[in-house]
């Protein structure tokens, strides 16, 4: 596994009174074969607040994104957009995540 890039995104969360707020989170992105790993670089308290795992993985192939854990699609969408902007993954005019998010684990095959 090798490091690809550090990138930051704003992650949405809700706090008291059902108020929506955002917290900027820096992620280290690693690649291992066809899988990308995102590691949030935040303290344990913020990770709990945002309900983020220590790390999670996703794959991008043929305009389909496979996310390792449900509930992370918005975060992965932002990460994929950043990676496309940095030209670290190939993109087309069609957004990777328009109705093409597939949740699963390594055992799932691409759609």
C-alpha atoms as a PDB file:
ATOM      1  CA  UNK A   1       0.000   0.000   0.000  1.00  0.00           C
ATOM      2  CA  UNK A   2       1.410   3.390  -0.923  1.00  0.00           C
ATOM      3  CA  UNK A   3       0.315   6.916  -0.131  1.00  0.00           C
ATOM      4  CA  UNK A   4      -1.315   8.821  -2.972  1.00  0.00           C
ATOM      5  CA  UNK A   5      -2.220  12.215  -1.516  1.00  0.00           C
ATOM      6  CA  UNK A   6      -3.551  14.209   1.425  1.00  0.00           C
ATOM      7  CA  UNK A   7      -6.837  15.975   0.752  1.00  0.00           C
ATOM      8  CA  UNK A   8      -9.346  17.864   2.886  1.00  0.00           C
ATOM      9  CA  UNK A   9     -13.131  17.927   2.701  1.00  0.00           C
ATOM     10  CA  UNK A  10     -15.948  19.348   4.791  1.00  0.00           C
ATOM     11  CA  UNK A  11     -17.900  16.574   6.514  1.00  0.00           C
ATOM     12  CA  UNK A  12     -21.497  17.247   7.517  1.00  0.00           C
ATOM     13  CA  UNK A  13     -22.847  16.284  10.946  1.00  0.00           C
ATOM     14  CA  UNK A  14     -25.774  17.127  13.197  1.00  0.00           C
ATOM     15  CA  UNK A  15     -25.508  18.406  16.719  1.00  0.00           C
ATOM     16  CA  UNK A  16     -27.909  19.517  19.468  1.00  0.00           C
ATOM     17  CA  UNK A  17     -31.177  20.873  18.162  1.00  0.00           C
ATOM     18  CA  UNK A  18     -30.800  18.950  14.886  1.00  0.00           C
ATOM     19  CA  UNK A  19     -28.550  21.728  13.587  1.00  0.00           C
ATOM     20  CA  UNK A  20     -26.359  20.818  10.624  1.00  0.00           C
ATOM     21  CA  UNK A  21     -22.710  21.813  10.858  1.00  0.00           C
ATOM     22  CA  UNK A  22     -19.512  21.003   8.965  1.00  0.00           C
ATOM     23  CA  UNK A  23     -16.064  20.020  10.128  1.00  0.00           C
ATOM     24  CA  UNK A  24     -13.056  20.119   7.813  1.00  0.00           C
ATOM     25  CA  UNK A  25     -11.288  16.759   7.833  1.00  0.00           C
ATOM     26  CA  UNK A  26      -7.964  15.931   6.242  1.00  0.00           C
ATOM     27  CA  UNK A  27      -7.715  12.447   4.757  1.00  0.00           C
ATOM     28  CA  UNK A  28      -4.640  10.496   3.773  1.00  0.00           C
ATOM     29  CA  UNK A  29      -5.439   8.470   0.657  1.00  0.00           C
ATOM     30  CA  UNK A  30      -3.566   5.229  -0.002  1.00  0.00           C
ATOM     31  CA  UNK A  31      -3.733   2.820  -2.940  1.00  0.00           C
ATOM     32  CA  UNK A  32      -3.346  -0.919  -2.879  1.00  0.00           C
ATOM     33  CA  UNK A  33      -3.990  -2.572  -6.222  1.00  0.00           C
ATOM     34  CA  UNK A  34      -7.488  -1.455  -7.282  1.00  0.00           C
ATOM     35  CA  UNK A  35      -8.626  -0.335  -3.826  1.00  0.00           C
ATOM     36  CA  UNK A  36      -8.241   3.131  -2.319  1.00  0.00           C
ATOM     37  CA  UNK A  37      -8.066   3.623   1.457  1.00  0.00           C
ATOM     38  CA  UNK A  38      -9.058   6.820   3.244  1.00  0.00           C
ATOM     39  CA  UNK A  39      -7.657   7.541   6.703  1.00  0.00           C
ATOM     40  CA  UNK A  40      -9.161  10.558   8.493  1.00  0.00           C
ATOM     41  CA  UNK A  41      -6.468  12.578  10.282  1.00  0.00           C
ATOM     42  CA  UNK A  42      -8.568  13.826  13.206  1.00  0.00           C
ATOM     43  CA  UNK A  43      -8.729  13.186  16.931  1.00  0.00           C
ATOM     44  CA  UNK A  44     -10.797  10.347  18.389  1.00  0.00           C
ATOM     45  CA  UNK A  45     -13.473  12.723  19.711  1.00  0.00           C
ATOM     46  CA  UNK A  46     -14.043  14.303  16.281  1.00  0.00           C
ATOM     47  CA  UNK A  47     -14.071  10.870  14.638  1.00  0.00           C
ATOM     48  CA  UNK A  48     -16.810   9.772  17.052  1.00  0.00           C
ATOM     49  CA  UNK A  49     -18.741  13.010  16.467  1.00  0.00           C
ATOM     50  CA  UNK A  50     -18.657  12.398  12.690  1.00  0.00           C
ATOM     51  CA  UNK A  51     -19.169   8.637  13.064  1.00  0.00           C
ATOM     52  CA  UNK A  52     -16.087   7.902  10.957  1.00  0.00           C
ATOM     53  CA  UNK A  53     -14.160   4.632  11.065  1.00  0.00           C
ATOM     54  CA  UNK A  54     -10.393   4.616  11.602  1.00  0.00           C
ATOM     55  CA  UNK A  55     -10.085   3.881   7.877  1.00  0.00           C
ATOM     56  CA  UNK A  56     -12.365   2.830   5.055  1.00  0.00           C
ATOM     57  CA  UNK A  57     -11.888   1.717   1.501  1.00  0.00           C
ATOM     58  CA  UNK A  58     -13.500   2.252  -1.868  1.00  0.00           C
ATOM     59  CA  UNK A  59     -12.912   1.264  -5.473  1.00  0.00           C
ATOM     60  CA  UNK A  60     -13.514   3.195  -8.672  1.00  0.00           C
ATOM     61  CA  UNK A  61     -13.811   1.345 -11.951  1.00  0.00           C
ATOM     62  CA  UNK A  62     -15.768   2.058 -15.102  1.00  0.00           C
ATOM     63  CA  UNK A  63     -17.642   4.972 -13.508  1.00  0.00           C
ATOM     64  CA  UNK A  64     -18.799   2.836 -10.575  1.00  0.00           C
ATOM     65  CA  UNK A  65     -17.732   3.475  -7.000  1.00  0.00           C
ATOM     66  CA  UNK A  66     -17.861   0.650  -4.499  1.00  0.00           C
ATOM     67  CA  UNK A  67     -17.835   1.800  -0.879  1.00  0.00           C
ATOM     68  CA  UNK A  68     -16.714  -0.573   1.872  1.00  0.00           C
ATOM     69  CA  UNK A  69     -19.157   0.735   4.484  1.00  0.00           C
ATOM     70  CA  UNK A  70     -22.706   2.073   4.136  1.00  0.00           C
ATOM     71  CA  UNK A  71     -23.237   5.673   5.200  1.00  0.00           C
ATOM     72  CA  UNK A  72     -20.021   7.007   3.702  1.00  0.00           C
ATOM     73  CA  UNK A  73     -21.292   7.804   0.206  1.00  0.00           C
ATOM     74  CA  UNK A  74     -21.240  11.607   0.603  1.00  0.00           C
ATOM     75  CA  UNK A  75     -17.721  11.541   1.985  1.00  0.00           C
ATOM     76  CA  UNK A  76     -16.506   9.210  -0.757  1.00  0.00           C
ATOM     77  CA  UNK A  77     -18.223  11.374  -3.390  1.00  0.00           C
ATOM     78  CA  UNK A  78     -16.227  14.399  -2.206  1.00  0.00           C
ATOM     79  CA  UNK A  79     -13.006  12.394  -2.058  1.00  0.00           C
ATOM     80  CA  UNK A  80     -13.536  11.058  -5.592  1.00  0.00           C
ATOM     81  CA  UNK A  81     -14.225  14.584  -6.860  1.00  0.00           C
ATOM     82  CA  UNK A  82     -10.973  15.791  -5.251  1.00  0.00           C
ATOM     83  CA  UNK A  83      -9.025  12.892  -6.760  1.00  0.00           C
ATOM     84  CA  UNK A  84     -10.504  13.651 -10.190  1.00  0.00           C
ATOM     85  CA  UNK A  85      -9.595  17.343  -9.820  1.00  0.00           C
ATOM     86  CA  UNK A  86      -6.020  16.370  -8.928  1.00  0.00           C
ATOM     87  CA  UNK A  87      -6.056  13.995 -11.943  1.00  0.00           C
ATOM     88  CA  UNK A  88      -5.199  11.025  -9.737  1.00  0.00           C
ATOM     89  CA  UNK A  89      -8.108   9.006 -11.073  1.00  0.00           C
ATOM     90  CA  UNK A  90      -9.700   9.172 -14.474  1.00  0.00           C
ATOM     91  CA  UNK A  91     -13.060  10.814 -14.806  1.00  0.00           C
ATOM     92  CA  UNK A  92     -15.617  11.351 -17.484  1.00  0.00           C
ATOM     93  CA  UNK A  93     -18.242  14.017 -17.837  1.00  0.00           C
ATOM     94  CA  UNK A  94     -20.664  11.685 -16.091  1.00  0.00           C
ATOM     95  CA  UNK A  95     -20.381  11.928 -12.312  1.00  0.00           C
ATOM     96  CA  UNK A  96     -19.135   8.651 -10.827  1.00  0.00           C
ATOM     97  CA  UNK A  97     -21.770   8.697  -8.139  1.00  0.00           C
ATOM     98  CA  UNK A  98     -24.949   9.508 -10.085  1.00  0.00           C
ATOM     99  CA  UNK A  99     -27.006   6.449  -9.204  1.00  0.00           C
ATOM    100  CA  UNK A 100     -23.899   4.278  -9.391  1.00  0.00           C
ATOM    101  CA  UNK A 101     -22.912   3.751  -5.771  1.00  0.00           C
ATOM    102  CA  UNK A 102     -22.634   0.104  -4.879  1.00  0.00           C
ATOM    103  CA  UNK A 103     -22.163  -0.836  -1.238  1.00  0.00           C
ATOM    104  CA  UNK A 104     -20.238  -3.933  -0.464  1.00  0.00           C
ATOM    105  CA  UNK A 105     -17.003  -5.492   0.515  1.00  0.00           C
ATOM    106  CA  UNK A 106     -14.073  -6.957  -1.379  1.00  0.00           C
ATOM    107  CA  UNK A 107     -16.140  -9.975  -2.361  1.00  0.00           C
ATOM    108  CA  UNK A 108     -18.520  -7.928  -4.510  1.00  0.00           C
ATOM    109  CA  UNK A 109     -17.786  -7.609  -8.174  1.00  0.00           C
ATOM    110  CA  UNK A 110     -18.110  -4.455 -10.180  1.00  0.00           C
ATOM    111  CA  UNK A 111     -21.484  -3.594 -11.693  1.00  0.00           C
END
